[in-house]
N, C-alpha and C. Protein backbone atom coordinates (compact mmCIF):
# COMPACT_ATOMS: atom_id res chain seq x y z
N MET A 1 13.66 1.10 -29.87
CA MET A 1 13.48 -0.57 -29.76
C MET A 1 11.83 -0.42 -30.18
N GLY A 2 11.67 -0.72 -30.97
CA GLY A 2 9.65 -0.92 -31.19
C GLY A 2 8.97 -1.50 -30.33
N LEU A 3 7.55 -2.01 -30.07
CA LEU A 3 7.05 -2.65 -29.46
C LEU A 3 6.98 -3.65 -29.30
N LEU A 4 6.95 -4.36 -30.91
CA LEU A 4 7.41 -5.63 -31.26
C LEU A 4 8.49 -6.55 -30.94
N GLU A 5 9.87 -5.53 -31.54
CA GLU A 5 10.42 -6.02 -30.89
C GLU A 5 10.71 -6.12 -29.26
N SER A 6 10.49 -5.42 -28.78
CA SER A 6 10.71 -5.18 -27.04
C SER A 6 9.78 -6.67 -26.49
N VAL A 7 8.80 -6.70 -26.92
CA VAL A 7 7.62 -7.76 -26.86
C VAL A 7 8.45 -9.07 -26.60
N LEU A 8 9.17 -9.46 -28.09
CA LEU A 8 10.06 -10.34 -28.16
C LEU A 8 11.05 -11.05 -27.56
N HIS A 9 11.74 -9.77 -26.44
CA HIS A 9 12.72 -9.81 -25.99
C HIS A 9 12.86 -9.65 -24.55
N VAL A 10 10.97 -9.70 -24.28
CA VAL A 10 11.31 -9.16 -22.83
C VAL A 10 11.66 -10.86 -21.82
N ALA A 11 11.28 -11.56 -22.53
CA ALA A 11 11.71 -13.20 -21.65
C ALA A 11 11.98 -14.04 -22.94
N PRO A 12 12.45 -15.32 -22.51
CA PRO A 12 12.47 -16.00 -23.43
C PRO A 12 11.74 -17.05 -24.12
N VAL A 13 10.71 -17.02 -22.90
CA VAL A 13 9.26 -17.89 -23.94
C VAL A 13 8.19 -16.76 -23.68
N MET A 14 7.80 -16.91 -25.04
CA MET A 14 5.63 -16.26 -24.34
C MET A 14 5.16 -17.17 -24.88
N PRO A 15 4.34 -17.55 -23.90
CA PRO A 15 3.25 -18.35 -23.81
C PRO A 15 2.18 -18.42 -24.23
N VAL A 16 1.87 -19.67 -25.13
CA VAL A 16 0.48 -19.46 -26.24
C VAL A 16 -0.71 -19.89 -25.34
N VAL A 17 -1.28 -19.31 -25.00
CA VAL A 17 -2.68 -19.26 -24.13
C VAL A 17 -4.04 -19.49 -24.43
N VAL A 18 -4.39 -20.64 -24.70
CA VAL A 18 -5.70 -21.12 -24.72
C VAL A 18 -6.93 -21.12 -23.67
N ILE A 19 -7.96 -20.02 -23.56
CA ILE A 19 -8.67 -19.44 -22.36
C ILE A 19 -9.81 -20.12 -22.60
N GLU A 20 -10.56 -21.05 -22.13
CA GLU A 20 -11.69 -21.39 -21.86
C GLU A 20 -12.55 -20.84 -21.53
N ASP A 21 -12.31 -20.14 -20.12
CA ASP A 21 -12.99 -19.59 -19.03
C ASP A 21 -12.48 -18.15 -19.14
N ALA A 22 -13.09 -16.95 -19.35
CA ALA A 22 -12.34 -15.63 -18.57
C ALA A 22 -12.43 -15.45 -17.78
N LYS A 23 -13.39 -16.31 -16.73
CA LYS A 23 -12.51 -15.78 -15.23
C LYS A 23 -11.23 -16.40 -14.93
N HIS A 24 -10.27 -16.95 -15.61
CA HIS A 24 -9.48 -17.75 -15.17
C HIS A 24 -8.36 -16.67 -15.53
N ALA A 25 -8.81 -16.03 -16.68
CA ALA A 25 -7.56 -14.63 -17.54
C ALA A 25 -6.37 -14.04 -16.45
N VAL A 26 -7.35 -13.41 -15.66
CA VAL A 26 -6.46 -12.46 -14.28
C VAL A 26 -5.51 -13.20 -13.71
N SER A 27 -6.14 -14.20 -12.82
CA SER A 27 -5.40 -15.04 -11.86
C SER A 27 -3.93 -15.28 -13.00
N LEU A 28 -4.35 -16.03 -13.72
CA LEU A 28 -3.33 -17.04 -15.00
C LEU A 28 -2.53 -15.91 -15.40
N ALA A 29 -2.64 -14.34 -15.86
CA ALA A 29 -1.62 -13.48 -16.13
C ALA A 29 -1.07 -12.96 -15.04
N ARG A 30 -1.42 -12.89 -14.00
CA ARG A 30 -0.45 -12.50 -12.70
C ARG A 30 0.45 -13.44 -12.24
N ALA A 31 0.21 -14.93 -12.62
CA ALA A 31 0.56 -15.48 -12.18
C ALA A 31 2.14 -15.47 -12.93
N LEU A 32 2.17 -15.41 -14.27
CA LEU A 32 2.98 -15.47 -15.36
C LEU A 32 3.85 -14.57 -15.29
N VAL A 33 3.07 -13.35 -15.21
CA VAL A 33 4.04 -11.49 -14.45
C VAL A 33 4.87 -11.94 -13.36
N ALA A 34 4.14 -13.13 -12.61
CA ALA A 34 5.09 -13.00 -10.96
C ALA A 34 6.30 -13.78 -11.69
N GLY A 35 5.53 -14.73 -12.71
CA GLY A 35 7.47 -15.49 -12.74
C GLY A 35 7.98 -15.13 -13.81
N GLY A 36 8.18 -13.73 -13.83
CA GLY A 36 8.86 -13.33 -14.79
C GLY A 36 8.54 -13.24 -16.37
N ILE A 37 7.68 -13.69 -16.90
CA ILE A 37 6.70 -14.08 -18.07
C ILE A 37 5.93 -12.39 -17.91
N PRO A 38 6.01 -11.70 -19.03
CA PRO A 38 4.98 -10.60 -19.19
C PRO A 38 4.28 -10.44 -20.62
N ALA A 39 5.23 -11.06 -21.42
CA ALA A 39 4.48 -10.82 -22.39
C ALA A 39 3.42 -12.33 -22.87
N ILE A 40 2.18 -12.28 -23.16
CA ILE A 40 1.48 -13.32 -23.47
C ILE A 40 0.25 -12.95 -24.27
N GLU A 41 0.69 -14.36 -25.17
CA GLU A 41 -0.47 -14.62 -26.52
C GLU A 41 -1.36 -15.37 -26.09
N ILE A 42 -2.63 -14.47 -26.29
CA ILE A 42 -3.88 -15.10 -25.94
C ILE A 42 -4.31 -15.55 -27.20
N THR A 43 -4.95 -16.95 -27.56
CA THR A 43 -5.25 -17.24 -29.34
C THR A 43 -7.03 -17.07 -29.31
N LEU A 44 -6.82 -16.63 -30.03
CA LEU A 44 -8.28 -16.91 -30.89
C LEU A 44 -8.95 -18.11 -31.11
N ARG A 45 -8.86 -19.06 -30.23
CA ARG A 45 -9.27 -20.38 -30.36
C ARG A 45 -10.76 -20.33 -29.66
N THR A 46 -11.20 -19.84 -28.97
CA THR A 46 -12.25 -19.72 -28.37
C THR A 46 -12.75 -18.78 -28.01
N ARG A 47 -14.48 -18.69 -27.37
CA ARG A 47 -15.37 -17.77 -27.44
C ARG A 47 -14.57 -16.09 -26.27
N ALA A 48 -14.09 -17.24 -25.38
CA ALA A 48 -13.47 -16.57 -24.19
C ALA A 48 -12.25 -15.54 -24.79
N ALA A 49 -11.56 -15.85 -25.71
CA ALA A 49 -10.59 -15.22 -26.07
C ALA A 49 -10.11 -13.71 -25.75
N LEU A 50 -11.16 -12.75 -26.75
CA LEU A 50 -11.36 -11.40 -26.42
C LEU A 50 -11.68 -11.14 -24.98
N ASP A 51 -12.70 -11.20 -24.29
CA ASP A 51 -13.02 -11.30 -23.17
C ASP A 51 -11.98 -11.25 -22.11
N ALA A 52 -11.15 -12.17 -22.72
CA ALA A 52 -9.73 -12.47 -21.27
C ALA A 52 -8.72 -11.55 -21.92
N VAL A 53 -8.41 -11.22 -22.90
CA VAL A 53 -7.62 -10.32 -23.44
C VAL A 53 -7.72 -8.89 -22.87
N ARG A 54 -9.47 -8.87 -22.66
CA ARG A 54 -9.98 -7.41 -22.33
C ARG A 54 -9.66 -7.05 -21.11
N ALA A 55 -9.98 -8.57 -20.17
CA ALA A 55 -9.50 -8.45 -18.48
C ALA A 55 -7.86 -8.16 -18.03
N ILE A 56 -7.24 -8.73 -19.04
CA ILE A 56 -5.82 -8.54 -18.70
C ILE A 56 -5.40 -7.43 -18.70
N ALA A 57 -5.78 -6.86 -20.20
CA ALA A 57 -5.72 -5.11 -20.26
C ALA A 57 -5.91 -4.61 -19.19
N ASN A 58 -6.74 -4.46 -18.81
CA ASN A 58 -7.48 -3.66 -17.66
C ASN A 58 -7.16 -3.93 -16.37
N GLU A 59 -6.94 -4.88 -16.02
CA GLU A 59 -6.77 -5.45 -14.31
C GLU A 59 -5.22 -5.96 -14.32
N VAL A 60 -4.27 -6.42 -14.73
CA VAL A 60 -2.83 -6.92 -14.90
C VAL A 60 -2.06 -6.32 -14.99
N ASP A 61 -1.48 -5.19 -14.15
CA ASP A 61 -0.33 -4.55 -13.93
C ASP A 61 0.63 -5.41 -14.39
N GLY A 62 1.75 -5.28 -15.41
CA GLY A 62 3.11 -5.26 -16.13
C GLY A 62 2.47 -6.15 -17.28
N ALA A 63 1.36 -6.64 -17.40
CA ALA A 63 1.14 -7.20 -18.43
C ALA A 63 1.32 -6.68 -20.00
N ILE A 64 1.89 -7.48 -20.51
CA ILE A 64 1.91 -7.15 -22.20
C ILE A 64 0.82 -8.35 -23.45
N VAL A 65 -0.64 -8.09 -23.03
CA VAL A 65 -1.11 -9.09 -23.71
C VAL A 65 -1.27 -8.60 -25.12
N GLY A 66 -1.40 -10.20 -25.96
CA GLY A 66 -1.51 -9.82 -27.55
C GLY A 66 -2.34 -11.07 -27.54
N VAL A 67 -2.73 -11.23 -29.06
CA VAL A 67 -4.03 -11.68 -29.48
C VAL A 67 -2.83 -13.02 -30.32
N GLY A 68 -3.31 -14.22 -30.61
CA GLY A 68 -2.78 -15.28 -31.33
C GLY A 68 -3.97 -15.91 -32.19
N THR A 69 -3.38 -16.45 -32.94
CA THR A 69 -4.51 -17.29 -34.64
C THR A 69 -5.23 -16.37 -34.88
N VAL A 70 -4.36 -14.99 -35.35
CA VAL A 70 -5.18 -14.14 -36.20
C VAL A 70 -5.40 -14.03 -37.53
N ARG A 71 -6.29 -14.65 -37.94
CA ARG A 71 -6.33 -14.86 -39.64
C ARG A 71 -7.09 -14.13 -40.70
N LYS A 72 -7.83 -13.52 -40.57
CA LYS A 72 -8.38 -12.72 -41.03
C LYS A 72 -8.21 -10.85 -40.66
N PRO A 73 -8.37 -9.89 -41.41
CA PRO A 73 -8.48 -8.54 -41.15
C PRO A 73 -9.24 -8.12 -39.79
N GLN A 74 -10.78 -8.59 -39.88
CA GLN A 74 -11.31 -8.56 -38.73
C GLN A 74 -10.84 -9.00 -37.42
N ASP A 75 -9.83 -10.01 -37.36
CA ASP A 75 -9.10 -10.50 -35.75
C ASP A 75 -8.36 -9.33 -35.56
N LEU A 76 -7.64 -8.40 -36.39
CA LEU A 76 -6.76 -7.45 -35.70
C LEU A 76 -7.55 -6.43 -35.45
N LYS A 77 -8.87 -5.85 -35.76
CA LYS A 77 -9.63 -4.98 -35.45
C LYS A 77 -10.06 -5.34 -34.22
N ASP A 78 -10.91 -6.62 -33.93
CA ASP A 78 -11.02 -6.68 -32.36
C ASP A 78 -10.11 -6.89 -31.80
N ALA A 79 -8.61 -7.56 -31.82
CA ALA A 79 -7.89 -7.60 -31.10
C ALA A 79 -7.16 -6.12 -30.36
N GLU A 80 -7.75 -5.10 -31.14
CA GLU A 80 -7.23 -3.48 -30.98
C GLU A 80 -8.15 -3.31 -30.30
N SER A 81 -9.80 -3.37 -30.48
CA SER A 81 -10.40 -3.12 -29.79
C SER A 81 -10.61 -3.56 -28.12
N ALA A 82 -10.19 -4.56 -28.11
CA ALA A 82 -9.87 -5.63 -26.92
C ALA A 82 -8.84 -5.00 -25.97
N GLY A 83 -7.98 -3.99 -26.25
CA GLY A 83 -6.77 -3.81 -25.40
C GLY A 83 -5.43 -4.56 -25.61
N ALA A 84 -5.21 -5.66 -26.93
CA ALA A 84 -4.60 -6.28 -27.50
C ALA A 84 -3.12 -5.32 -27.70
N ARG A 85 -1.95 -5.52 -27.29
CA ARG A 85 -0.66 -5.22 -27.81
C ARG A 85 0.00 -5.14 -28.72
N PHE A 86 -0.38 -6.53 -28.82
CA PHE A 86 0.13 -6.98 -30.36
C PHE A 86 -0.31 -8.36 -30.90
N ALA A 87 -0.38 -8.46 -32.10
CA ALA A 87 -1.39 -9.76 -33.15
C ALA A 87 -0.37 -10.67 -33.08
N VAL A 88 -0.24 -11.63 -33.52
CA VAL A 88 0.35 -13.22 -34.02
C VAL A 88 -0.80 -13.83 -34.90
N SER A 89 0.21 -14.15 -35.50
CA SER A 89 -0.58 -14.92 -37.04
C SER A 89 0.14 -16.55 -36.92
N PRO A 90 -0.30 -17.65 -37.63
CA PRO A 90 0.39 -18.73 -37.82
C PRO A 90 0.91 -18.61 -39.33
N GLY A 91 0.40 -17.79 -40.38
CA GLY A 91 1.02 -17.81 -41.32
C GLY A 91 0.40 -16.19 -42.12
N ALA A 92 0.51 -15.89 -43.16
CA ALA A 92 0.59 -14.54 -43.68
C ALA A 92 -0.42 -14.76 -45.15
N THR A 93 -1.62 -14.00 -45.42
CA THR A 93 -2.14 -13.45 -46.77
C THR A 93 -1.89 -12.40 -46.99
N PRO A 94 -2.53 -12.17 -48.66
CA PRO A 94 -2.25 -10.86 -48.72
C PRO A 94 -3.38 -9.65 -47.87
N ASP A 95 -4.40 -10.55 -48.00
CA ASP A 95 -5.49 -9.47 -47.30
C ASP A 95 -4.69 -8.90 -45.68
N LEU A 96 -4.36 -9.94 -44.88
CA LEU A 96 -3.58 -9.99 -43.74
C LEU A 96 -2.60 -8.12 -43.46
N ILE A 97 -1.82 -8.87 -44.64
CA ILE A 97 -0.63 -8.09 -44.66
C ILE A 97 -0.86 -6.52 -45.38
N ALA A 98 -1.97 -6.68 -45.91
CA ALA A 98 -2.33 -5.31 -46.42
C ALA A 98 -3.57 -4.29 -44.91
N ALA A 99 -3.98 -5.29 -44.19
CA ALA A 99 -4.71 -4.85 -43.16
C ALA A 99 -3.65 -4.35 -41.74
N ALA A 100 -2.67 -5.57 -41.67
CA ALA A 100 -1.51 -5.11 -40.45
C ALA A 100 -1.13 -3.90 -40.99
N LYS A 101 -0.49 -3.39 -42.38
CA LYS A 101 0.25 -2.29 -42.77
C LYS A 101 -1.07 -1.06 -42.15
N ASP A 102 -2.34 -1.20 -42.24
CA ASP A 102 -3.49 0.13 -41.96
C ASP A 102 -3.32 -0.27 -40.49
N SER A 103 -3.11 -0.95 -39.26
CA SER A 103 -3.47 -1.17 -38.39
C SER A 103 -2.49 -0.72 -37.41
N ALA A 104 -2.81 0.12 -36.36
CA ALA A 104 -1.87 0.68 -35.64
C ALA A 104 -1.50 -0.50 -34.70
N LEU A 105 -1.53 -1.97 -34.71
CA LEU A 105 -1.41 -2.71 -33.56
C LEU A 105 -0.08 -3.52 -34.29
N PRO A 106 1.07 -3.62 -33.60
CA PRO A 106 2.05 -4.71 -34.24
C PRO A 106 1.96 -6.04 -34.27
N TRP A 107 2.20 -6.61 -35.70
CA TRP A 107 1.87 -7.55 -36.18
C TRP A 107 2.84 -8.53 -36.58
N LEU A 108 3.41 -10.03 -35.93
CA LEU A 108 4.14 -11.19 -36.23
C LEU A 108 3.33 -11.88 -37.64
N PRO A 109 3.85 -11.65 -38.47
CA PRO A 109 3.35 -12.92 -38.97
C PRO A 109 4.10 -14.42 -38.98
N GLY A 110 3.41 -15.38 -39.33
CA GLY A 110 3.44 -16.23 -39.84
C GLY A 110 4.82 -17.02 -41.54
N ALA A 111 5.65 -17.53 -40.72
CA ALA A 111 6.43 -18.39 -42.01
C ALA A 111 6.97 -19.38 -41.32
N GLY A 112 6.99 -19.91 -42.91
CA GLY A 112 8.10 -21.42 -42.15
C GLY A 112 8.51 -22.44 -43.37
N THR A 113 8.83 -21.14 -44.05
CA THR A 113 9.78 -21.17 -45.46
C THR A 113 10.56 -19.75 -46.04
N ALA A 114 11.78 -20.37 -46.62
CA ALA A 114 12.80 -19.35 -46.97
C ALA A 114 11.64 -17.98 -47.70
N SER A 115 10.96 -18.48 -48.70
CA SER A 115 10.19 -18.12 -49.57
C SER A 115 9.27 -16.68 -49.06
N GLU A 116 8.41 -17.28 -47.95
CA GLU A 116 7.19 -17.09 -47.12
C GLU A 116 8.11 -16.05 -46.06
N ALA A 117 9.46 -16.15 -45.80
CA ALA A 117 10.18 -15.20 -45.02
C ALA A 117 10.66 -14.01 -46.03
N MET A 118 11.17 -14.34 -47.06
CA MET A 118 11.27 -12.97 -47.81
C MET A 118 10.21 -12.50 -48.25
N THR A 119 9.15 -12.93 -48.50
CA THR A 119 8.17 -11.93 -48.60
C THR A 119 7.99 -10.96 -47.68
N LEU A 120 7.45 -11.12 -46.65
CA LEU A 120 7.47 -10.74 -45.48
C LEU A 120 8.36 -9.70 -45.52
N SER A 121 10.09 -9.83 -44.98
CA SER A 121 10.48 -9.04 -45.44
C SER A 121 10.56 -7.98 -46.26
N GLU A 122 10.27 -8.47 -47.14
CA GLU A 122 10.15 -7.22 -48.72
C GLU A 122 8.98 -6.19 -48.25
N HIS A 123 7.98 -6.99 -47.44
CA HIS A 123 6.46 -6.28 -46.69
C HIS A 123 7.19 -5.55 -46.00
N GLY A 124 8.31 -5.75 -45.13
CA GLY A 124 8.48 -4.49 -43.67
C GLY A 124 8.97 -5.27 -42.63
N PHE A 125 8.14 -6.56 -42.63
CA PHE A 125 8.51 -7.31 -41.61
C PHE A 125 9.18 -8.31 -41.06
N ILE A 126 10.20 -7.49 -40.39
CA ILE A 126 11.68 -8.68 -40.29
C ILE A 126 10.97 -9.41 -38.79
N PHE A 127 10.47 -9.36 -38.26
CA PHE A 127 9.96 -9.96 -37.07
C PHE A 127 8.91 -11.19 -37.08
N GLN A 128 9.22 -12.33 -37.25
CA GLN A 128 8.32 -13.43 -37.89
C GLN A 128 8.25 -14.64 -36.72
N LYS A 129 6.88 -14.87 -37.11
CA LYS A 129 7.07 -16.40 -36.37
C LYS A 129 7.27 -17.24 -37.13
N PHE A 130 8.18 -18.19 -36.77
CA PHE A 130 8.55 -19.23 -37.77
C PHE A 130 7.44 -20.41 -36.84
N PHE A 131 6.64 -20.96 -38.16
CA PHE A 131 5.68 -22.05 -37.58
C PHE A 131 5.09 -22.91 -38.54
N PRO A 132 5.21 -24.11 -38.46
CA PRO A 132 5.07 -24.95 -37.20
C PRO A 132 6.71 -25.21 -36.81
N ALA A 133 7.27 -25.16 -35.92
CA ALA A 133 9.07 -25.10 -36.19
C ALA A 133 9.56 -26.18 -36.17
N GLU A 134 9.25 -27.00 -35.08
CA GLU A 134 9.17 -28.51 -35.18
C GLU A 134 9.00 -29.35 -36.31
N ALA A 135 7.83 -29.18 -37.10
CA ALA A 135 7.62 -30.05 -38.80
C ALA A 135 8.57 -29.02 -39.40
N ALA A 136 8.20 -27.73 -39.33
CA ALA A 136 9.35 -27.01 -40.57
C ALA A 136 10.90 -27.21 -40.35
N GLY A 137 11.40 -28.03 -39.46
CA GLY A 137 12.67 -28.23 -39.75
C GLY A 137 13.56 -27.74 -37.96
N GLY A 138 12.75 -27.52 -37.40
CA GLY A 138 13.73 -27.37 -36.17
C GLY A 138 14.42 -25.90 -36.39
N ALA A 139 15.22 -26.49 -34.99
CA ALA A 139 16.72 -25.37 -34.97
C ALA A 139 17.56 -25.11 -36.09
N PRO A 140 17.39 -26.17 -36.66
CA PRO A 140 18.61 -26.49 -37.89
C PRO A 140 17.86 -25.81 -39.39
N ALA A 141 16.83 -25.85 -39.35
CA ALA A 141 16.23 -25.06 -40.18
C ALA A 141 16.54 -23.19 -40.01
N LEU A 142 16.57 -23.24 -38.83
CA LEU A 142 16.71 -21.58 -38.15
C LEU A 142 17.92 -21.48 -39.07
N ARG A 143 18.24 -22.05 -38.39
CA ARG A 143 20.55 -21.96 -38.51
C ARG A 143 20.60 -21.80 -40.09
N SER A 144 19.78 -22.29 -40.65
CA SER A 144 20.08 -22.52 -42.34
C SER A 144 19.81 -21.16 -43.16
N LEU A 145 18.75 -20.65 -41.99
CA LEU A 145 17.88 -19.69 -42.63
C LEU A 145 18.83 -17.95 -42.32
N HIS A 146 19.59 -18.29 -41.15
CA HIS A 146 20.20 -17.33 -40.56
C HIS A 146 21.46 -16.51 -41.67
N GLY A 147 21.76 -17.40 -42.41
CA GLY A 147 23.42 -17.02 -43.32
C GLY A 147 22.57 -16.17 -44.53
N PRO A 148 21.58 -16.81 -45.24
CA PRO A 148 20.96 -15.68 -46.12
C PRO A 148 19.89 -14.78 -45.93
N LEU A 149 19.03 -14.78 -44.44
CA LEU A 149 18.40 -14.06 -43.85
C LEU A 149 18.50 -13.41 -42.78
N PRO A 150 19.62 -12.40 -42.43
CA PRO A 150 20.43 -12.45 -41.47
C PRO A 150 19.64 -11.30 -40.65
N GLU A 151 19.14 -10.53 -41.55
CA GLU A 151 17.72 -9.20 -41.13
C GLU A 151 16.63 -9.97 -40.04
N ILE A 152 16.41 -11.24 -40.29
CA ILE A 152 15.01 -11.60 -39.89
C ILE A 152 15.03 -12.07 -38.38
N ARG A 153 14.02 -12.21 -37.58
CA ARG A 153 14.49 -12.23 -35.97
C ARG A 153 12.94 -13.11 -36.25
N PHE A 154 13.25 -14.38 -35.14
CA PHE A 154 12.18 -15.28 -35.03
C PHE A 154 11.97 -15.31 -33.90
N CYS A 155 9.91 -15.77 -33.71
CA CYS A 155 9.47 -16.08 -32.24
C CYS A 155 9.26 -17.45 -33.08
N ALA A 156 9.96 -18.92 -32.30
CA ALA A 156 9.70 -20.24 -32.88
C ALA A 156 8.64 -20.69 -32.20
N THR A 157 7.84 -21.29 -32.70
CA THR A 157 6.57 -21.70 -32.06
C THR A 157 6.05 -22.67 -32.90
N GLY A 158 5.78 -24.16 -32.36
CA GLY A 158 5.00 -25.30 -32.65
C GLY A 158 6.00 -26.55 -32.36
N GLY A 159 6.04 -27.21 -31.25
CA GLY A 159 6.31 -28.36 -30.91
C GLY A 159 7.56 -28.14 -29.74
N ILE A 160 7.36 -26.45 -29.97
CA ILE A 160 8.09 -26.74 -28.50
C ILE A 160 7.95 -26.56 -26.90
N GLY A 161 8.68 -27.11 -26.47
CA GLY A 161 8.90 -27.51 -24.55
C GLY A 161 10.14 -26.79 -23.99
N ALA A 162 10.14 -27.28 -22.75
CA ALA A 162 10.99 -27.05 -21.98
C ALA A 162 12.64 -28.16 -22.54
N HIS A 163 12.24 -29.22 -23.11
CA HIS A 163 13.01 -30.25 -23.48
C HIS A 163 13.80 -29.68 -24.70
N ASN A 164 13.22 -28.90 -25.54
CA ASN A 164 14.11 -28.49 -26.73
C ASN A 164 14.05 -27.10 -26.61
N ALA A 165 13.40 -26.36 -26.33
CA ALA A 165 13.67 -24.60 -26.09
C ALA A 165 14.94 -24.39 -26.31
N ARG A 166 16.07 -24.48 -25.41
CA ARG A 166 17.41 -24.44 -25.12
C ARG A 166 17.80 -24.36 -26.54
N ASP A 167 17.37 -24.96 -27.37
CA ASP A 167 18.04 -25.64 -28.37
C ASP A 167 17.82 -24.17 -29.67
N TYR A 168 16.89 -24.35 -29.60
CA TYR A 168 16.14 -23.04 -30.07
C TYR A 168 16.55 -21.54 -29.89
N LEU A 169 16.55 -21.09 -28.45
CA LEU A 169 17.47 -20.05 -28.31
C LEU A 169 18.88 -19.67 -28.09
N ALA A 170 19.48 -21.06 -28.49
CA ALA A 170 21.12 -20.90 -28.58
C ALA A 170 21.12 -20.06 -30.31
N THR A 171 19.71 -20.41 -31.34
CA THR A 171 20.28 -19.89 -32.55
C THR A 171 19.80 -18.26 -32.57
N PRO A 172 20.99 -17.89 -33.42
CA PRO A 172 21.10 -16.54 -33.56
C PRO A 172 19.77 -15.52 -34.08
N ASN A 173 18.71 -16.35 -34.93
CA ASN A 173 18.08 -15.47 -35.58
C ASN A 173 16.59 -16.04 -34.80
N VAL A 174 17.02 -16.52 -33.48
CA VAL A 174 15.33 -16.65 -32.83
C VAL A 174 15.45 -15.40 -31.56
N ALA A 175 14.66 -14.77 -31.54
CA ALA A 175 14.72 -13.71 -30.45
C ALA A 175 14.02 -14.59 -28.77
N CYS A 176 12.87 -15.49 -29.40
CA CYS A 176 12.20 -16.61 -28.40
C CYS A 176 11.48 -17.67 -28.90
N VAL A 177 10.81 -18.19 -27.95
CA VAL A 177 9.93 -19.20 -28.42
C VAL A 177 8.73 -18.99 -27.89
N GLY A 178 7.66 -19.71 -28.32
CA GLY A 178 6.11 -19.79 -27.90
C GLY A 178 5.93 -20.70 -27.89
N GLY A 179 5.60 -20.90 -26.78
CA GLY A 179 4.59 -22.35 -26.34
C GLY A 179 3.52 -22.48 -25.28
N SER A 180 2.97 -23.36 -25.37
CA SER A 180 1.67 -23.96 -24.06
C SER A 180 1.73 -24.54 -22.65
N TRP A 181 3.54 -24.77 -22.83
CA TRP A 181 3.81 -25.98 -21.85
C TRP A 181 3.44 -24.61 -20.49
N LEU A 182 3.81 -23.66 -20.50
CA LEU A 182 3.36 -22.94 -19.22
C LEU A 182 2.42 -22.69 -18.77
N THR A 183 1.55 -23.31 -19.50
CA THR A 183 -0.29 -22.98 -19.09
C THR A 183 -0.91 -23.96 -19.84
N PRO A 184 -0.50 -25.62 -19.01
CA PRO A 184 -1.27 -26.59 -19.60
C PRO A 184 -2.63 -26.59 -19.15
N SER A 185 -3.77 -27.29 -19.72
CA SER A 185 -4.84 -26.71 -19.41
C SER A 185 -5.70 -27.84 -18.13
N ARG A 186 -4.83 -28.40 -17.26
CA ARG A 186 -5.44 -29.21 -16.27
C ARG A 186 -4.83 -28.05 -15.23
N LEU A 187 -3.90 -27.54 -15.11
CA LEU A 187 -3.37 -26.46 -13.82
C LEU A 187 -4.26 -25.09 -13.72
N VAL A 188 -4.66 -24.72 -15.46
CA VAL A 188 -5.50 -23.63 -15.23
C VAL A 188 -6.90 -24.14 -14.94
N ALA A 189 -7.67 -25.39 -15.46
CA ALA A 189 -8.64 -25.98 -14.62
C ALA A 189 -8.80 -25.76 -13.40
N ALA A 190 -7.71 -26.08 -12.91
CA ALA A 190 -7.83 -26.35 -11.63
C ALA A 190 -7.47 -24.68 -10.74
N GLU A 191 -7.01 -24.22 -11.53
CA GLU A 191 -6.77 -23.04 -10.88
C GLU A 191 -5.39 -22.95 -9.72
N GLU A 192 -4.22 -23.76 -10.36
CA GLU A 192 -3.04 -23.93 -9.69
C GLU A 192 -2.01 -22.64 -10.05
N TRP A 193 -2.07 -21.73 -10.04
CA TRP A 193 -1.42 -20.60 -10.60
C TRP A 193 -0.26 -20.33 -9.35
N GLY A 194 0.24 -20.90 -8.49
CA GLY A 194 1.27 -21.31 -8.02
C GLY A 194 2.27 -22.35 -9.04
N ALA A 195 1.92 -23.18 -9.56
CA ALA A 195 1.88 -24.10 -10.35
C ALA A 195 2.29 -23.48 -11.53
N ILE A 196 1.50 -22.88 -11.89
CA ILE A 196 2.12 -21.93 -13.26
C ILE A 196 3.19 -20.70 -13.16
N GLU A 197 3.16 -19.99 -11.74
CA GLU A 197 4.18 -19.09 -11.92
C GLU A 197 5.64 -20.05 -11.98
N ALA A 198 5.75 -20.93 -11.26
CA ALA A 198 6.56 -21.93 -11.08
C ALA A 198 7.32 -22.21 -12.44
N LEU A 199 6.48 -22.54 -13.10
CA LEU A 199 7.12 -23.29 -14.79
C LEU A 199 7.07 -21.62 -14.90
N ALA A 200 6.78 -20.61 -15.11
CA ALA A 200 7.30 -19.41 -15.70
C ALA A 200 8.45 -18.66 -15.21
N ARG A 201 8.81 -19.16 -14.06
CA ARG A 201 10.13 -18.93 -13.27
C ARG A 201 11.17 -19.81 -14.09
N ALA A 202 11.41 -20.73 -14.34
CA ALA A 202 11.44 -21.78 -14.52
C ALA A 202 11.93 -21.48 -16.09
N ALA A 203 11.03 -20.84 -17.04
CA ALA A 203 11.16 -20.55 -18.17
C ALA A 203 12.32 -19.66 -18.47
N THR A 204 12.24 -18.63 -17.78
CA THR A 204 13.12 -17.57 -17.42
C THR A 204 14.50 -18.17 -17.79
N LEU A 205 14.81 -18.88 -17.05
CA LEU A 205 16.34 -19.48 -17.28
C LEU A 205 16.85 -20.38 -18.45
N LEU A 206 15.57 -20.31 -19.32
CA LEU A 206 16.34 -21.28 -20.68
C LEU A 206 17.42 -20.59 -21.32
N ARG A 207 17.31 -19.34 -21.16
CA ARG A 207 18.28 -18.72 -22.00
C ARG A 207 19.14 -18.63 -21.46
N GLY A 208 20.52 -19.47 -21.86
CA GLY A 208 22.14 -19.78 -21.31
C GLY A 208 23.01 -18.86 -21.55
């Protein structure tokens, strides 16, 4: 089993984390790992993101830290230099596909249609992010894709929370779901690590 496959199957949920202050990164990651959620996607939406990845990679035993919102080849290089173990994109471009093939960093590209999923599969990317999941048709759309594209496995992300995650996880081509509900900004800002651990622990029970 490759690293990306193991990352997608290590827990039912991959938290999509926006870090505003890198000082929170280590405690946040430790809370998630303690709750049974080791794979953590830190999005490149803030200036603190790469510092957060670096801190988690260096200081949090058991964490498998990755970088999300990868949009250009330089993002892959920066993520690898920071110690990320994998990279996630909302979509895919020819430049990103080429860069990912040349990179040692496992890459989860985004697809929202059958054509996009087929194109990525032709390039050898059978593990993909289905995004934006709810807007792109939700779990019914994924079930429809499974018939003609049975080899592709998805991390479904976008509009998913505790209220609908089970429906996605019951879909045969969904390895896991991604979402931000495990690390709400108000809990992070208040350093409520126990509450985040509890949310993580509850998330591990979503796959019935």
